[in-house]
Amino acid sequence: MAVIRARASLALLAPLAAIALAGCAPSPAPDPASPGSSSAPAATPSRPADLTSRDADALAALAAVAPRTSTIDPALADWTECWLPSQHLIPPGEVSDDTTWKVICRIHWHQLDGTARYQDTNCIGDFAKQPMLDHCYRWVHYDLEPTYEDHPGVYAGAAG
């Protein structure tokens, strides 16, 4: 009887042990195409025609500021896309106005050998200020934080 109970216990524990040990398996080799690199440059999109003037102005400012203040050489930046500022206003209870926004921008750039890359940046601006913003910060995703892919990107402009 004890032998039967021991075998039954082993039969129940074996699948649990396999599940627990699965987390110890080596990770697959990283895909060189993500995140942040690919062998072919991304196609440059165009800006939507139905943008409000304040979104268009904010995107133009982001296209100028994001590459210049990122961790890449601005000369290697090709173009920038960002979340739409008007869709990412900071709630008025967290700031003193209803014109401040926070977006993630993706700067598309290339290495000297032509390899396409991207760098995400976090940008905070204010529709009511001039300039709307003066700096963006390198964005690195952490657990429970937003990622660029959480919202659609809008073409902000070419570098330069």
C-alpha atoms as a PDB file:
ATOM      1  CA  MET A   1       0.000   0.000   0.000  1.00  0.00           C
ATOM      2  CA  ALA A   2       2.840   2.369   0.813  1.00  0.00           C
ATOM      3  CA  VAL A   3       4.422   1.610  -2.563  1.00  0.00           C
ATOM      4  CA  ILE A   4       1.180   2.461  -4.368  1.00  0.00           C
ATOM      5  CA  ARG A   5       0.901   5.781  -2.486  1.00  0.00           C
ATOM      6  CA  ALA A   6       4.538   6.626  -3.280  1.00  0.00           C
ATOM      7  CA  ARG A   7       4.016   5.905  -6.986  1.00  0.00           C
ATOM      8  CA  ALA A   8       0.825   7.972  -6.998  1.00  0.00           C
ATOM      9  CA  SER A   9       2.676  10.843  -5.329  1.00  0.00           C
ATOM     10  CA  LEU A  10       5.472  10.628  -7.897  1.00  0.00           C
ATOM     11  CA  ALA A  11       2.939  10.561 -10.714  1.00  0.00           C
ATOM     12  CA  LEU A  12       1.426  13.788  -9.377  1.00  0.00           C
ATOM     13  CA  LEU A  13       4.756  15.491  -8.658  1.00  0.00           C
ATOM     14  CA  ALA A  14       6.449  14.721 -11.982  1.00  0.00           C
ATOM     15  CA  PRO A  15       4.290  17.096 -14.083  1.00  0.00           C
ATOM     16  CA  LEU A  16       4.591  19.825 -11.437  1.00  0.00           C
ATOM     17  CA  ALA A  17       8.368  19.464 -11.384  1.00  0.00           C
ATOM     18  CA  ALA A  18       8.484  19.640 -15.175  1.00  0.00           C
ATOM     19  CA  ILE A  19       6.456  22.849 -15.138  1.00  0.00           C
ATOM     20  CA  ALA A  20       8.644  24.372 -12.430  1.00  0.00           C
ATOM     21  CA  LEU A  21      11.851  23.460 -14.231  1.00  0.00           C
ATOM     22  CA  ALA A  22      10.614  24.772 -17.574  1.00  0.00           C
ATOM     23  CA  GLY A  23      11.376  28.268 -16.312  1.00  0.00           C
ATOM     24  CA  CYS A  24      15.023  27.242 -15.980  1.00  0.00           C
ATOM     25  CA  ALA A  25      15.371  26.305 -19.642  1.00  0.00           C
ATOM     26  CA  PRO A  26      17.688  28.527 -21.651  1.00  0.00           C
ATOM     27  CA  SER A  27      16.015  31.356 -23.517  1.00  0.00           C
ATOM     28  CA  PRO A  28      15.940  31.181 -27.278  1.00  0.00           C
ATOM     29  CA  ALA A  29      18.591  33.192 -29.095  1.00  0.00           C
ATOM     30  CA  PRO A  30      17.564  36.840 -29.445  1.00  0.00           C
ATOM     31  CA  ASP A  31      15.967  37.823 -32.708  1.00  0.00           C
ATOM     32  CA  PRO A  32      18.287  40.376 -34.339  1.00  0.00           C
ATOM     33  CA  ALA A  33      15.247  42.094 -35.813  1.00  0.00           C
ATOM     34  CA  SER A  34      13.840  43.130 -32.437  1.00  0.00           C
ATOM     35  CA  PRO A  35      13.794  45.145 -30.367  1.00  0.00           C
ATOM     36  CA  GLY A  36      15.623  48.083 -31.777  1.00  0.00           C
ATOM     37  CA  SER A  37      17.228  46.621 -34.863  1.00  0.00           C
ATOM     38  CA  SER A  38      16.427  45.182 -38.239  1.00  0.00           C
ATOM     39  CA  SER A  39      18.273  44.521 -41.433  1.00  0.00           C
ATOM     40  CA  ALA A  40      15.994  46.709 -43.527  1.00  0.00           C
ATOM     41  CA  PRO A  41      14.943  50.262 -42.736  1.00  0.00           C
ATOM     42  CA  ALA A  42      11.306  50.829 -41.897  1.00  0.00           C
ATOM     43  CA  ALA A  43       9.338  52.580 -44.603  1.00  0.00           C
ATOM     44  CA  THR A  44       8.856  56.262 -43.861  1.00  0.00           C
ATOM     45  CA  PRO A  45       5.129  56.884 -43.342  1.00  0.00           C
ATOM     46  CA  SER A  46       3.331  60.120 -44.017  1.00  0.00           C
ATOM     47  CA  ARG A  47       1.520  62.286 -41.534  1.00  0.00           C
ATOM     48  CA  PRO A  48      -2.297  61.905 -41.464  1.00  0.00           C
ATOM     49  CA  ALA A  49      -4.124  64.706 -43.254  1.00  0.00           C
ATOM     50  CA  ASP A  50      -6.740  65.144 -40.513  1.00  0.00           C
ATOM     51  CA  LEU A  51      -4.409  66.284 -37.702  1.00  0.00           C
ATOM     52  CA  THR A  52      -5.414  69.265 -35.603  1.00  0.00           C
ATOM     53  CA  SER A  53      -3.058  72.229 -35.836  1.00  0.00           C
ATOM     54  CA  ARG A  54      -1.916  71.741 -32.250  1.00  0.00           C
ATOM     55  CA  ASP A  55      -1.085  68.056 -32.872  1.00  0.00           C
ATOM     56  CA  ALA A  56       0.725  68.994 -36.097  1.00  0.00           C
ATOM     57  CA  ASP A  57       2.748  71.643 -34.216  1.00  0.00           C
ATOM     58  CA  ALA A  58       3.513  69.212 -31.385  1.00  0.00           C
ATOM     59  CA  LEU A  59       4.630  66.494 -33.818  1.00  0.00           C
ATOM     60  CA  ALA A  60       6.899  68.962 -35.629  1.00  0.00           C
ATOM     61  CA  ALA A  61       8.463  69.910 -32.286  1.00  0.00           C
ATOM     62  CA  LEU A  62       8.859  66.227 -31.369  1.00  0.00           C
ATOM     63  CA  ALA A  63      10.535  65.479 -34.728  1.00  0.00           C
ATOM     64  CA  ALA A  64      13.122  68.155 -33.934  1.00  0.00           C
ATOM     65  CA  VAL A  65      13.607  67.524 -30.221  1.00  0.00           C
ATOM     66  CA  ALA A  66      13.450  63.730 -29.845  1.00  0.00           C
ATOM     67  CA  PRO A  67      16.461  62.823 -32.052  1.00  0.00           C
ATOM     68  CA  ARG A  68      18.555  65.733 -30.749  1.00  0.00           C
ATOM     69  CA  THR A  69      18.056  64.757 -27.101  1.00  0.00           C
ATOM     70  CA  SER A  70      18.153  60.966 -27.442  1.00  0.00           C
ATOM     71  CA  THR A  71      21.180  58.766 -26.847  1.00  0.00           C
ATOM     72  CA  ILE A  72      21.910  58.389 -30.567  1.00  0.00           C
ATOM     73  CA  ASP A  73      23.913  60.590 -32.918  1.00  0.00           C
ATOM     74  CA  PRO A  74      21.267  62.922 -34.425  1.00  0.00           C
ATOM     75  CA  ALA A  75      23.108  62.756 -37.770  1.00  0.00           C
ATOM     76  CA  LEU A  76      22.126  59.072 -37.980  1.00  0.00           C
ATOM     77  CA  ALA A  77      18.415  59.740 -37.316  1.00  0.00           C
ATOM     78  CA  ASP A  78      16.123  59.195 -40.296  1.00  0.00           C
ATOM     79  CA  TRP A  79      12.615  59.959 -39.012  1.00  0.00           C
ATOM     80  CA  THR A  80      10.484  59.966 -35.887  1.00  0.00           C
ATOM     81  CA  GLU A  81       7.004  58.727 -35.030  1.00  0.00           C
ATOM     82  CA  CYS A  82       5.153  59.413 -31.798  1.00  0.00           C
ATOM     83  CA  TRP A  83       1.918  58.769 -30.010  1.00  0.00           C
ATOM     84  CA  LEU A  84      -0.583  61.498 -30.807  1.00  0.00           C
ATOM     85  CA  PRO A  85      -0.180  64.169 -28.083  1.00  0.00           C
ATOM     86  CA  SER A  86      -3.887  65.101 -27.882  1.00  0.00           C
ATOM     87  CA  GLN A  87      -4.715  61.471 -27.088  1.00  0.00           C
ATOM     88  CA  HIS A  88      -2.199  61.377 -24.224  1.00  0.00           C
ATOM     89  CA  LEU A  89      -3.026  64.387 -22.071  1.00  0.00           C
ATOM     90  CA  ILE A  90      -1.927  64.105 -18.453  1.00  0.00           C
ATOM     91  CA  PRO A  91      -5.067  64.150 -16.268  1.00  0.00           C
ATOM     92  CA  PRO A  92      -5.702  67.654 -14.857  1.00  0.00           C
ATOM     93  CA  GLY A  93      -5.694  66.240 -11.319  1.00  0.00           C
ATOM     94  CA  GLU A  94      -2.015  65.331 -11.796  1.00  0.00           C
ATOM     95  CA  VAL A  95      -0.940  68.675 -13.300  1.00  0.00           C
ATOM     96  CA  SER A  96      -2.268  72.218 -12.997  1.00  0.00           C
ATOM     97  CA  ASP A  97      -3.702  72.388 -16.527  1.00  0.00           C
ATOM     98  CA  ASP A  98      -5.381  70.384 -19.279  1.00  0.00           C
ATOM     99  CA  THR A  99      -2.762  71.044 -21.961  1.00  0.00           C
ATOM    100  CA  THR A 100       0.182  68.930 -20.775  1.00  0.00           C
ATOM    101  CA  TRP A 101       0.828  65.655 -22.590  1.00  0.00           C
ATOM    102  CA  LYS A 102       3.185  62.714 -22.310  1.00  0.00           C
ATOM    103  CA  VAL A 103       4.052  60.500 -25.283  1.00  0.00           C
ATOM    104  CA  ILE A 104       6.535  57.873 -26.338  1.00  0.00           C
ATOM    105  CA  CYS A 105       8.325  58.553 -29.607  1.00  0.00           C
ATOM    106  CA  ARG A 106      10.286  56.100 -31.722  1.00  0.00           C
ATOM    107  CA  ILE A 107      13.300  57.519 -33.530  1.00  0.00           C
ATOM    108  CA  HIS A 108      14.196  55.482 -36.603  1.00  0.00           C
ATOM    109  CA  TRP A 109      17.912  55.686 -37.282  1.00  0.00           C
ATOM    110  CA  HIS A 110      20.676  53.711 -38.933  1.00  0.00           C
ATOM    111  CA  GLN A 111      24.088  52.484 -37.916  1.00  0.00           C
ATOM    112  CA  LEU A 112      27.068  53.508 -40.022  1.00  0.00           C
ATOM    113  CA  ASP A 113      26.875  50.159 -41.839  1.00  0.00           C
ATOM    114  CA  GLY A 114      23.253  50.917 -42.804  1.00  0.00           C
ATOM    115  CA  THR A 115      21.576  48.601 -40.273  1.00  0.00           C
ATOM    116  CA  ALA A 116      18.184  50.045 -39.357  1.00  0.00           C
ATOM    117  CA  ARG A 117      17.624  50.697 -35.662  1.00  0.00           C
ATOM    118  CA  TYR A 118      15.201  52.539 -33.427  1.00  0.00           C
ATOM    119  CA  GLN A 119      15.351  54.247 -30.050  1.00  0.00           C
ATOM    120  CA  ASP A 120      12.268  54.962 -27.942  1.00  0.00           C
ATOM    121  CA  THR A 121      12.069  58.212 -25.998  1.00  0.00           C
ATOM    122  CA  ASN A 122       9.665  59.595 -23.414  1.00  0.00           C
ATOM    123  CA  CYS A 123       8.584  63.170 -24.107  1.00  0.00           C
ATOM    124  CA  ILE A 124       6.517  65.547 -22.001  1.00  0.00           C
ATOM    125  CA  GLY A 125       5.180  68.749 -23.533  1.00  0.00           C
ATOM    126  CA  ASP A 126       2.528  71.384 -23.140  1.00  0.00           C
ATOM    127  CA  PHE A 127       0.300  72.684 -25.941  1.00  0.00           C
ATOM    128  CA  ALA A 128       0.112  76.058 -24.149  1.00  0.00           C
ATOM    129  CA  LYS A 129       3.902  76.618 -23.898  1.00  0.00           C
ATOM    130  CA  GLN A 130       6.324  77.928 -26.483  1.00  0.00           C
ATOM    131  CA  PRO A 131       8.346  75.895 -27.103  1.00  0.00           C
ATOM    132  CA  MET A 132       6.046  72.984 -26.269  1.00  0.00           C
ATOM    133  CA  LEU A 133       9.012  70.926 -25.072  1.00  0.00           C
ATOM    134  CA  ASP A 134      12.765  71.091 -25.031  1.00  0.00           C
ATOM    135  CA  HIS A 135      13.860  67.592 -24.105  1.00  0.00           C
ATOM    136  CA  CYS A 136      12.971  63.921 -24.409  1.00  0.00           C
ATOM    137  CA  TYR A 137      14.483  61.093 -22.417  1.00  0.00           C
ATOM    138  CA  ARG A 138      15.546  57.622 -23.462  1.00  0.00           C
ATOM    139  CA  TRP A 139      12.662  55.255 -22.720  1.00  0.00           C
ATOM    140  CA  VAL A 140      13.391  51.759 -21.513  1.00  0.00           C
ATOM    141  CA  HIS A 141      10.422  49.528 -20.827  1.00  0.00           C
ATOM    142  CA  TYR A 142      10.043  48.066 -17.345  1.00  0.00           C
ATOM    143  CA  ASP A 143       7.315  45.737 -16.090  1.00  0.00           C
ATOM    144  CA  LEU A 144       3.887  47.364 -15.891  1.00  0.00           C
ATOM    145  CA  GLU A 145       5.105  50.429 -17.816  1.00  0.00           C
ATOM    146  CA  PRO A 146       3.773  51.371 -21.242  1.00  0.00           C
ATOM    147  CA  THR A 147       5.562  50.315 -24.404  1.00  0.00           C
ATOM    148  CA  TYR A 148       5.581  52.113 -27.726  1.00  0.00           C
ATOM    149  CA  GLU A 149       3.395  49.416 -29.254  1.00  0.00           C
ATOM    150  CA  ASP A 150       0.585  50.156 -26.775  1.00  0.00           C
ATOM    151  CA  HIS A 151      -0.744  52.956 -29.002  1.00  0.00           C
ATOM    152  CA  PRO A 152      -0.538  53.739 -32.711  1.00  0.00           C
ATOM    153  CA  GLY A 153       2.369  55.871 -33.849  1.00  0.00           C
ATOM    154  CA  VAL A 154       1.910  58.987 -35.958  1.00  0.00           C
ATOM    155  CA  TYR A 155       4.647  60.211 -38.293  1.00  0.00           C
ATOM    156  CA  ALA A 156       6.212  63.242 -36.641  1.00  0.00           C
ATOM    157  CA  GLY A 157       8.741  64.177 -39.328  1.00  0.00           C
ATOM    158  CA  ALA A 158      12.129  63.577 -40.861  1.00  0.00           C
ATOM    159  CA  ALA A 159      15.260  64.243 -38.891  1.00  0.00           C
ATOM    160  CA  GLY A 160      17.042  67.431 -39.572  1.00  0.00           C
END
